[in-house]
Protein backbone atom coordinates (compact mmCIF):
# COMPACT_ATOMS: atom_id res chain seq x y z
CA UNK A 1 104.76 78.89 123.22
CA UNK A 2 107.96 81.00 122.42
CA UNK A 3 110.22 80.46 119.48
CA UNK A 4 113.94 80.08 120.36
CA UNK A 5 114.45 83.50 118.40
CA UNK A 6 112.06 85.24 120.54
CA UNK A 7 114.03 84.57 123.65
CA UNK A 8 117.13 86.25 122.34
CA UNK A 9 115.01 89.21 121.36
CA UNK A 10 113.35 89.12 124.98
CA UNK A 11 117.06 89.01 126.51
CA UNK A 12 118.32 91.71 124.46
CA UNK A 13 115.32 93.95 125.19
CA UNK A 14 115.67 93.32 129.05
CA UNK A 15 119.44 93.62 128.88
CA UNK A 16 119.14 97.02 126.98
CA UNK A 17 116.44 98.33 129.27
CA UNK A 18 118.45 97.79 132.07
CA UNK A 19 121.58 99.23 130.77
CA UNK A 20 119.46 102.51 129.87
CA UNK A 21 117.67 102.99 133.07
CA UNK A 22 120.02 101.47 135.71
CA UNK A 23 119.56 100.16 139.15
CA UNK A 24 115.58 101.01 139.80
CA UNK A 25 114.83 103.17 142.80
CA UNK A 26 113.13 101.32 146.10
CA UNK A 27 109.56 102.76 144.69
CA UNK A 28 109.97 100.85 141.15
CA UNK A 29 110.82 97.59 142.94
CA UNK A 30 108.07 97.97 145.25
CA UNK A 31 105.68 99.09 142.24
CA UNK A 32 106.90 95.76 140.50
CA UNK A 33 106.47 93.37 143.38
CA UNK A 34 102.97 94.64 143.99
CA UNK A 35 102.26 93.98 140.06
CA UNK A 36 103.55 90.35 140.26
CA UNK A 37 101.63 89.90 143.46
CA UNK A 38 98.20 91.21 141.85
CA UNK A 39 99.13 88.93 138.69
CA UNK A 40 99.46 86.09 140.60
CA UNK A 41 96.17 86.41 142.97
CA UNK A 42 93.94 87.71 140.27
CA UNK A 43 94.78 84.63 138.55
CA UNK A 44 94.01 82.23 141.54
CA UNK A 45 91.35 80.33 140.53
CA UNK A 46 92.30 79.77 137.04
CA UNK A 47 95.47 78.58 138.05
CA UNK A 48 94.06 76.21 140.41
CA UNK A 49 91.97 74.71 137.82
CA UNK A 50 95.01 74.70 135.51
CA UNK A 51 96.77 73.04 137.96
CA UNK A 52 94.29 70.28 138.52
CA UNK A 53 93.91 69.49 134.87
CA UNK A 54 97.78 69.25 134.22
CA UNK A 55 98.33 67.06 137.45
CA UNK A 56 95.30 64.99 136.43
CA UNK A 57 93.91 65.48 140.09
CA UNK A 58 95.39 68.16 142.40
CA UNK A 59 93.10 69.46 145.05
CA UNK A 60 92.33 73.01 144.30
CA UNK A 61 92.66 74.32 147.88
CA UNK A 62 95.94 72.69 148.02
CA UNK A 63 97.11 74.58 144.92
CA UNK A 64 95.54 77.71 145.97
CA UNK A 65 97.58 77.24 149.45
CA UNK A 66 100.92 76.18 147.98
CA UNK A 67 101.08 77.80 144.67
CA UNK A 68 99.21 81.12 145.21
CA UNK A 69 98.91 82.28 148.86
CA UNK A 70 102.37 81.16 149.44
CA UNK A 71 103.18 84.52 147.25
CA UNK A 72 101.44 86.97 150.12
CA UNK A 73 103.92 86.50 152.80
CA UNK A 74 106.81 86.32 150.79
CA UNK A 75 106.27 89.12 148.67
CA UNK A 76 105.03 91.60 151.63
CA UNK A 77 108.34 90.54 153.56
CA UNK A 78 110.43 91.62 150.79
CA UNK A 79 108.49 95.07 150.44
CA UNK A 80 109.06 95.73 154.19
CA UNK A 81 112.69 95.00 154.17
CA UNK A 82 113.65 96.43 150.78
CA UNK A 83 115.18 100.10 151.59
CA UNK A 84 116.98 98.25 154.86
CA UNK A 85 118.91 95.60 152.52
CA UNK A 86 119.33 98.28 149.13
CA UNK A 87 120.85 100.59 151.72
CA UNK A 88 125.06 100.99 151.26
CA UNK A 89 127.07 100.02 154.27
CA UNK A 90 130.26 101.89 155.84
CA UNK A 91 133.30 99.54 156.40
CA UNK A 92 133.83 99.79 160.12
CA UNK A 93 137.67 100.98 160.81
CA UNK A 94 137.96 101.76 157.29
CA UNK A 95 137.72 105.97 157.86
CA UNK A 96 140.36 105.52 160.67
CA UNK A 97 142.73 103.23 158.61
CA UNK A 98 142.62 106.24 156.02
CA UNK A 99 140.53 103.99 153.57
CA UNK A 100 137.25 105.00 153.54
CA UNK A 101 135.19 102.15 152.27
CA UNK A 102 131.47 101.63 151.68
CA UNK A 103 129.73 98.65 150.24
CA UNK A 104 126.74 99.20 147.71
CA UNK A 105 124.41 96.76 146.95
CA UNK A 106 123.59 96.71 142.97
CA UNK A 107 121.76 94.40 140.84
CA UNK A 108 123.43 91.94 138.72
CA UNK A 109 121.33 92.97 135.49
CA UNK A 110 118.89 90.26 133.61
CA UNK A 111 118.23 86.99 136.09
CA UNK A 112 116.63 83.99 134.15
CA UNK A 113 114.54 81.46 136.27
CA UNK A 114 113.91 78.11 135.33
CA UNK A 115 111.23 76.48 137.44
CA UNK A 116 109.82 72.61 138.06
CA UNK A 117 106.51 70.93 137.45
CA UNK A 118 105.64 69.72 141.02
CA UNK A 119 105.21 73.44 142.51
CA UNK A 120 105.25 75.27 139.25
CA UNK A 121 103.83 78.47 140.16
CA UNK A 122 105.35 79.17 143.70
CA UNK A 123 108.71 77.77 142.69
CA UNK A 124 109.49 80.43 139.79
CA UNK A 125 107.55 83.17 141.60
CA UNK A 126 109.61 83.54 144.65
CA UNK A 127 113.01 83.50 143.23
CA UNK A 128 111.34 86.07 140.65
CA UNK A 129 110.21 88.28 143.37
CA UNK A 130 113.64 88.29 145.13
CA UNK A 131 115.10 89.05 141.86
CA UNK A 132 112.89 91.77 141.10
CA UNK A 133 113.39 92.76 145.07
CA UNK A 134 117.28 92.97 144.22
CA UNK A 135 116.59 95.45 141.18
CA UNK A 136 116.93 93.09 138.35
CA UNK A 137 114.96 92.13 135.37
CA UNK A 138 113.54 88.89 135.23
CA UNK A 139 112.94 86.33 132.45
CA UNK A 140 110.82 82.83 133.80
CA UNK A 141 111.12 79.57 131.81
CA UNK A 142 107.71 77.66 133.51
CA UNK A 143 107.68 74.00 133.30
CA UNK A 144 106.62 72.21 130.18
CA UNK A 145 104.75 69.47 131.89
CA UNK A 146 102.26 72.03 133.29
CA UNK A 147 101.32 73.60 130.15
CA UNK A 148 97.82 74.82 131.39
CA UNK A 149 98.97 76.63 134.14
CA UNK A 150 102.21 78.00 132.20
CA UNK A 151 99.85 79.49 129.70
CA UNK A 152 97.93 81.13 132.66
CA UNK A 153 100.69 82.61 134.35
CA UNK A 154 102.49 83.96 131.06
CA UNK A 155 98.87 85.98 130.60
CA UNK A 156 98.61 87.07 133.92
CA UNK A 157 101.97 88.52 134.09
CA UNK A 158 101.79 90.12 130.36
CA UNK A 159 98.76 91.69 131.76
CA UNK A 160 100.84 93.73 134.46
CA UNK A 161 104.49 93.78 132.83
CA UNK A 162 105.94 95.18 129.98
CA UNK A 163 108.44 92.01 128.76
CA UNK A 164 111.24 94.35 129.36
CA UNK A 165 110.82 94.05 133.14
CA UNK A 166 109.15 90.56 133.46
CA UNK A 167 108.07 87.72 130.95
CA UNK A 168 107.25 84.13 131.40
CA UNK A 169 108.27 81.88 128.55
CA UNK A 170 106.51 78.58 127.71
CA UNK A 171 108.01 76.01 125.44
CA UNK A 172 109.62 72.43 125.55
CA UNK A 173 113.14 70.92 125.57
CA UNK A 174 114.22 73.17 122.73
CA UNK A 175 113.20 76.34 124.42
CA UNK A 176 114.44 75.08 127.65
CA UNK A 177 117.79 74.35 126.42
CA UNK A 178 118.43 77.79 124.61
CA UNK A 179 116.82 79.60 127.43
CA UNK A 180 119.83 77.92 129.76
CA UNK A 181 122.41 79.08 127.09
CA UNK A 182 121.56 82.76 127.18
CA UNK A 183 124.11 84.94 128.91
CA UNK A 184 121.96 86.17 131.78
CA UNK A 185 123.78 87.78 135.09
CA UNK A 186 122.46 84.80 137.42
CA UNK A 187 120.38 81.81 136.33
CA UNK A 188 118.15 80.26 139.10
CA UNK A 189 117.18 76.33 138.49
CA UNK A 190 114.77 74.31 140.58
CA UNK A 191 114.59 70.71 139.54
CA UNK A 192 116.42 67.26 139.54
CA UNK A 193 120.09 66.99 139.79
CA UNK A 194 120.32 65.21 136.53
CA UNK A 195 118.76 68.26 134.80
CA UNK A 196 120.53 70.75 137.16
CA UNK A 197 124.06 69.63 135.45
CA UNK A 198 122.88 70.27 132.19
CA UNK A 199 121.63 73.27 133.14
CA UNK A 200 125.15 74.37 134.64
CA UNK A 201 126.88 73.18 131.48
CA UNK A 202 124.87 75.50 129.61
CA UNK A 203 125.43 78.09 131.95
CA UNK A 204 129.44 77.82 131.92
CA UNK A 205 129.90 78.68 128.25
CA UNK A 206 128.75 82.21 129.40
CA UNK A 207 130.29 82.16 132.89
CA UNK A 208 127.08 82.64 134.39
CA UNK A 209 126.88 82.18 138.09
CA UNK A 210 124.01 79.47 138.80
CA UNK A 211 121.93 78.78 141.80
CA UNK A 212 120.84 75.14 141.79
CA UNK A 213 118.01 73.85 143.89
CA UNK A 214 117.93 70.27 143.49
CA UNK A 215 116.23 67.25 145.16
CA UNK A 216 117.94 64.26 147.10
CA UNK A 217 116.79 61.17 148.83
CA UNK A 218 115.94 62.70 152.22
CA UNK A 219 116.27 60.63 155.44
CA UNK A 220 114.39 60.34 158.22
CA UNK A 221 115.67 58.89 161.87
CA UNK A 222 113.37 57.78 164.45
CA UNK A 223 115.25 58.20 167.69
CA UNK A 224 115.26 55.34 170.30
CA UNK A 225 113.17 58.06 172.63
CA UNK A 226 110.25 59.02 169.92
CA UNK A 227 106.75 58.67 170.38
CA UNK A 228 106.40 56.22 167.61
CA UNK A 229 102.58 56.68 166.71
CA UNK A 230 103.04 60.36 166.46
CA UNK A 231 106.54 60.07 164.63
CA UNK A 232 104.67 57.60 162.35
CA UNK A 233 101.57 60.12 161.58
CA UNK A 234 103.87 62.65 160.67
CA UNK A 235 105.97 60.45 158.25
CA UNK A 236 103.27 59.43 156.80
CA UNK A 237 101.94 62.95 156.15
CA UNK A 238 105.12 64.19 155.07
CA UNK A 239 105.44 61.47 152.37
CA UNK A 240 102.00 62.09 151.00
CA UNK A 241 102.50 65.93 150.40
CA UNK A 242 101.52 66.65 146.81
CA UNK A 243 101.28 63.11 146.16
CA UNK A 244 104.88 62.44 147.55
CA UNK A 245 106.10 64.83 144.91
CA UNK A 246 108.17 67.24 146.80
CA UNK A 247 111.93 67.40 147.13
CA UNK A 248 111.80 67.83 150.59
CA UNK A 249 109.61 64.64 151.09
CA UNK A 250 111.24 61.84 153.17
CA UNK A 251 112.64 58.94 151.06
CA UNK A 252 114.06 56.59 153.70
CA UNK A 253 113.31 56.21 157.47
CA UNK A 254 115.63 54.39 159.89
CA UNK A 255 113.79 52.81 162.73
CA UNK A 256 115.07 51.26 166.03
CA UNK A 257 115.35 47.39 165.12
CA UNK A 258 113.11 46.35 167.97
CA UNK A 259 110.25 48.77 166.81
CA UNK A 260 109.98 48.22 163.09
CA UNK A 261 106.79 46.12 162.90
CA UNK A 262 105.49 48.75 165.61
CA UNK A 263 106.29 51.68 163.19
CA UNK A 264 105.16 50.16 159.91
CA UNK A 265 101.87 49.10 161.70
CA UNK A 266 101.28 52.74 162.71
CA UNK A 267 102.42 54.37 159.57
CA UNK A 268 100.16 51.97 157.39
CA UNK A 269 96.92 53.18 159.89
CA UNK A 270 98.04 56.79 159.41
CA UNK A 271 98.00 56.38 155.56
CA UNK A 272 94.39 54.95 155.81
CA UNK A 273 93.17 57.70 158.02
CA UNK A 274 94.68 60.31 155.71
CA UNK A 275 93.15 59.00 152.76
CA UNK A 276 90.21 56.76 153.31
CA UNK A 277 88.88 55.12 150.06
CA UNK A 278 92.02 56.19 148.44
CA UNK A 279 91.11 55.30 144.89
CA UNK A 280 88.49 57.83 144.73
CA UNK A 281 89.59 60.37 147.45
CA UNK A 282 89.28 63.78 146.20
CA UNK A 283 92.02 65.06 148.55
CA UNK A 284 94.82 63.00 146.58
CA UNK A 285 97.20 64.41 143.91
CA UNK A 286 97.87 62.13 141.23
CA UNK A 287 101.02 61.21 139.75
CA UNK A 288 101.90 64.34 137.36
CA UNK A 289 102.11 62.06 133.95
CA UNK A 290 102.48 58.71 132.82
CA UNK A 291 106.21 58.83 132.66
CA UNK A 292 106.46 59.70 136.33
CA UNK A 293 103.60 56.99 136.90
CA UNK A 294 105.70 54.02 135.32
CA UNK A 295 108.94 55.12 136.79
CA UNK A 296 107.69 54.87 140.21
CA UNK A 297 105.82 51.63 139.54
CA UNK A 298 108.92 50.43 138.30
CA UNK A 299 111.11 51.19 141.44
CA UNK A 300 108.39 49.20 143.31
CA UNK A 301 108.46 46.37 141.15
CA UNK A 302 112.31 46.04 140.85
CA UNK A 303 112.47 45.95 144.75
CA UNK A 304 109.78 43.32 145.07
CA UNK A 305 111.56 41.20 142.42
CA UNK A 306 114.77 41.72 144.02
CA UNK A 307 113.31 40.39 147.61
CA UNK A 308 111.75 43.58 149.26
CA UNK A 309 108.42 43.46 151.12
CA UNK A 310 105.80 45.99 150.08
CA UNK A 311 103.21 47.23 152.66
CA UNK A 312 100.33 48.99 151.19
CA UNK A 313 98.60 51.86 153.20
CA UNK A 314 95.34 51.02 151.51
CA UNK A 315 92.14 48.94 152.24
CA UNK A 316 91.99 45.68 150.71
CA UNK A 317 89.46 46.81 148.03
CA UNK A 318 91.67 49.30 146.96
CA UNK A 319 94.80 47.38 147.02
CA UNK A 320 93.23 44.96 144.54
CA UNK A 321 92.56 48.04 142.13
CA UNK A 322 96.18 50.02 142.59
CA UNK A 323 98.27 50.82 141.04
CA UNK A 324 95.57 52.81 138.82
CA UNK A 325 96.96 53.85 135.43
CA UNK A 326 93.71 55.84 134.49
CA UNK A 327 93.72 57.99 137.30
CA UNK A 328 97.82 57.82 137.75
CA UNK A 329 97.27 56.73 141.30
CA UNK A 330 100.13 54.74 143.31
CA UNK A 331 99.05 53.15 146.68
CA UNK A 332 101.07 54.37 149.37
CA UNK A 333 103.79 51.86 150.10
CA UNK A 334 106.47 51.11 152.53
CA UNK A 335 109.41 48.77 151.43
CA UNK A 336 110.94 46.78 153.76
CA UNK A 337 113.88 44.61 153.18
CA UNK A 338 115.33 47.02 150.45
CA UNK A 339 119.17 46.52 149.65
CA UNK A 340 121.80 48.53 147.71
CA UNK A 341 121.21 46.67 144.53
CA UNK A 342 117.52 47.72 144.13
CA UNK A 343 117.07 51.07 141.95
CA UNK A 344 114.80 52.56 144.75
CA UNK A 345 117.71 52.63 146.91
CA UNK A 346 119.68 55.21 144.58
CA UNK A 347 116.92 56.98 143.06
CA UNK A 348 114.83 59.75 144.21
CA UNK A 349 111.14 58.40 144.62
CA UNK A 350 108.84 61.33 143.90
CA UNK A 351 106.06 59.35 144.53
CA UNK A 352 104.03 58.09 147.41
CA UNK A 353 106.91 55.06 148.54
CA UNK A 354 108.88 54.88 151.84
CA UNK A 355 111.79 52.60 152.55
CA UNK A 356 112.01 51.40 156.06
CA UNK A 357 115.50 50.30 157.45
CA UNK A 358 116.12 48.95 160.94
CA UNK A 359 119.40 50.45 163.16
CA UNK A 360 120.52 49.57 166.80
CA UNK A 361 123.26 52.39 167.12
CA UNK A 362 123.09 56.03 165.54
CA UNK A 363 126.22 55.55 163.83
CA UNK A 364 124.23 53.24 161.24
CA UNK A 365 122.05 55.78 159.85
CA UNK A 366 124.94 58.34 159.81
CA UNK A 367 127.39 55.96 157.98
CA UNK A 368 124.49 55.38 155.16
CA UNK A 369 123.73 59.07 154.82
CA UNK A 370 127.50 59.84 154.77
CA UNK A 371 128.14 56.66 152.01
CA UNK A 372 125.34 58.74 149.69
CA UNK A 373 124.87 62.17 147.93
CA UNK A 374 123.90 64.66 150.45
CA UNK A 375 120.29 65.15 150.48
CA UNK A 376 118.09 68.50 150.52
CA UNK A 377 116.70 67.64 154.12
CA UNK A 378 117.26 65.38 157.00
CA UNK A 379 114.62 64.32 159.82
CA UNK A 380 114.91 63.76 163.20
CA UNK A 381 112.02 62.30 165.55
CA UNK A 382 112.64 62.45 168.87
CA UNK A 383 114.26 65.01 171.91
CA UNK A 384 117.56 67.03 171.26
CA UNK A 385 119.26 63.99 172.69
CA UNK A 386 123.12 63.26 172.19
CA UNK A 387 122.06 61.03 169.67
CA UNK A 388 120.18 63.86 167.61
CA UNK A 389 123.64 66.09 168.22
CA UNK A 390 125.53 63.29 166.97
CA UNK A 391 123.64 62.89 163.91
CA UNK A 392 123.49 66.53 163.17
CA UNK A 393 127.14 67.19 163.75
CA UNK A 394 128.27 64.31 161.66
CA UNK A 395 125.99 64.56 158.49
CA UNK A 396 125.46 67.25 155.75
CA UNK A 397 122.22 68.25 154.40
CA UNK A 398 120.67 71.48 153.16
CA UNK A 399 118.53 71.62 156.36
CA UNK A 400 117.29 69.67 159.41
CA UNK A 401 113.96 69.67 160.81
CA UNK A 402 113.31 67.81 163.94
CA UNK A 403 109.56 65.95 164.68
CA UNK A 404 107.73 67.70 161.58
CA UNK A 405 108.14 68.26 157.84
CA UNK A 406 110.17 71.10 156.35
CA UNK A 407 109.82 73.88 158.67
CA UNK A 408 113.28 74.78 158.50
CA UNK A 409 112.26 76.68 155.53
CA UNK A 410 109.04 78.45 156.95
CA UNK A 411 110.92 81.49 158.32
CA UNK A 412 111.42 84.36 155.65
CA UNK A 413 115.01 85.13 156.24
CA UNK A 414 116.34 81.67 157.01
CA UNK A 415 118.22 80.63 153.76
CA UNK A 416 117.05 77.65 151.93
CA UNK A 417 119.30 75.62 149.71
CA UNK A 418 120.90 72.41 149.15
CA UNK A 419 124.53 70.94 149.70
CA UNK A 420 126.46 68.73 147.11
CA UNK A 421 124.16 66.87 144.70
CA UNK A 422 121.33 68.40 146.40
CA UNK A 423 122.10 71.77 145.16
CA UNK A 424 124.36 75.11 145.34
CA UNK A 425 123.29 78.78 146.64
CA UNK A 426 120.15 79.52 148.75
CA UNK A 427 117.34 81.79 148.63
CA UNK A 428 114.19 83.11 150.65
CA UNK A 429 113.60 86.25 152.01
CA UNK A 430 117.12 88.39 152.75
CA UNK A 431 119.27 85.26 151.66
CA UNK A 432 117.49 85.68 147.99
CA UNK A 433 118.02 89.32 147.90
CA UNK A 434 121.68 88.86 148.37
CA UNK A 435 121.88 86.01 146.10
CA UNK A 436 120.53 88.50 142.93
CA UNK A 437 122.50 91.34 144.31
CA UNK A 438 126.59 92.03 143.85
CA UNK A 439 128.20 93.78 147.04
CA UNK A 440 130.63 96.20 145.40
CA UNK A 441 133.43 97.92 147.36
CA UNK A 442 133.78 101.50 147.23
CA UNK A 443 137.18 103.02 148.50
CA UNK A 444 138.74 106.35 148.86
CA UNK A 445 142.41 106.78 150.00
CA UNK A 446 143.53 109.36 152.57
CA UNK A 447 147.16 107.57 152.94
CA UNK A 448 149.89 110.00 152.20
CA UNK A 449 151.37 108.87 148.84
CA UNK A 450 148.75 106.02 148.40
CA UNK A 451 149.30 102.57 147.89
CA UNK A 452 151.31 103.60 144.54
CA UNK A 453 153.93 104.91 146.93
CA UNK A 454 153.91 101.89 149.13
CA UNK A 455 154.29 99.14 146.20
CA UNK A 456 156.64 101.53 144.46
CA UNK A 457 160.40 101.12 143.25
CA UNK A 458 161.51 103.34 146.16
CA UNK A 459 159.85 101.02 148.68
CA UNK A 460 160.52 97.53 147.37
CA UNK A 461 164.24 98.39 146.54
CA UNK A 462 164.67 99.98 150.11
CA UNK A 463 166.52 97.38 152.11
CA UNK A 464 165.44 98.55 155.36
CA UNK A 465 161.78 97.70 154.17
CA UNK A 466 162.61 94.47 153.26
CA UNK A 467 164.16 93.80 156.73
CA UNK A 468 160.89 95.27 158.45
CA UNK A 469 159.06 92.64 156.45
CA UNK A 470 161.16 89.86 157.34
CA UNK A 471 161.04 90.70 160.77
CA UNK A 472 157.07 91.15 160.92
CA UNK A 473 157.12 87.39 159.23
CA UNK A 474 159.43 86.14 161.72
CA UNK A 475 157.22 87.58 164.57
CA UNK A 476 154.12 86.13 163.25
CA UNK A 477 155.36 82.69 162.78
CA UNK A 478 156.69 82.89 166.57
CA UNK A 479 153.30 83.78 167.65
CA UNK A 480 151.50 81.02 165.38
CA UNK A 481 154.19 78.37 166.99
CA UNK A 482 153.31 79.62 170.45
CA UNK A 483 149.78 79.07 170.19
CA UNK A 484 150.69 75.63 168.52
CA UNK A 485 152.53 74.93 171.69
CA UNK A 486 155.96 74.53 170.01
């Protein structure tokens, strides 16, 4: 655990080291990336064990895959492209214009990374690695929900890094608040929109730029041409990743009205195939804590009390014993007949609950999505039809995946981020490197007399110059009118 006064000392030490040493060369950056990878991989089993304990139950293989092994490809990709992305670039045509100009790619300085609890290791390691590749010093604020994993990562990083290079900070709300208030050169936050607003307010006092990777209620549309069994199987699997505790999980599904009953039957069967004996199945991930367990249960209770129908994707024997407070397990649940006065229609679920809506024309899901805050992801099942292209053109979301779960973020240099309420800014590969870099123009002048003469008294007081400017304005206006057909 870190004391508030230590936060300021750590920040000051990183800032001083950065200013004294300047932007690090490629070999130093690559060495830091290798040490970060060594730290994470060396603690792999200990991290998986800690995450299992933090969640109550989380399969070790799942944690190793999503929270540890994911760092391998990410960091190796950064190493491979480091010199290319760092290199200054000449501005085409600037030399001929008498203004030879180069764009330098420079680090920002000290970057803060605030992580979430659902993928607490990978979602701090990846932005931290991209910030390191860009030449920055980095402070990580680990989630206070996953306290055991936070302690493991802090020890692993401390064994490889001087705290002036990279440090992991653990602590509760007071530490998180103080951390967000530090005068970072950039602050990167992954979490809920509600907390994102608090982080942005704290950063505003220092005019610290922020990247916010937030959540959202992600829609699925089952196209009229979709294979219903295929779609139901993939939607069910998508909803249950990490126990449904993923900002990219689908929250609600629009199904052609005549196919709703078949979709519900297929999805219930898919849930049962995925998790037979759900209550004791070792492949399930528990709801992370009692607070979230009660919150998700409350969404279902509220909906049912107001007239919704709940269909459970578990055996009758398991249904009689769920929800299970001791194991923090909630049955995979489909909700039908949901209306806007129900809390589940407004709040991000972050659990194994999926709302199903009927539709006739594609304009109905489009209007629904557009009437609510923009989601982090949108999903479509079916071919690349005119309906899909209309949905794609007329809705806004962080990304779109067709016929699968979240594959729009799987390629290394494809920017990942939200829009509107689901976030601002992006990262992943080159996009992350650019997020944590400043592109600085460096120009020279070969113009006789220079810009000073062009803007000086002799020019601005010259009637002939004034007439020339007016003639140019008039000519440009006429050309614009011509293009408008006027």
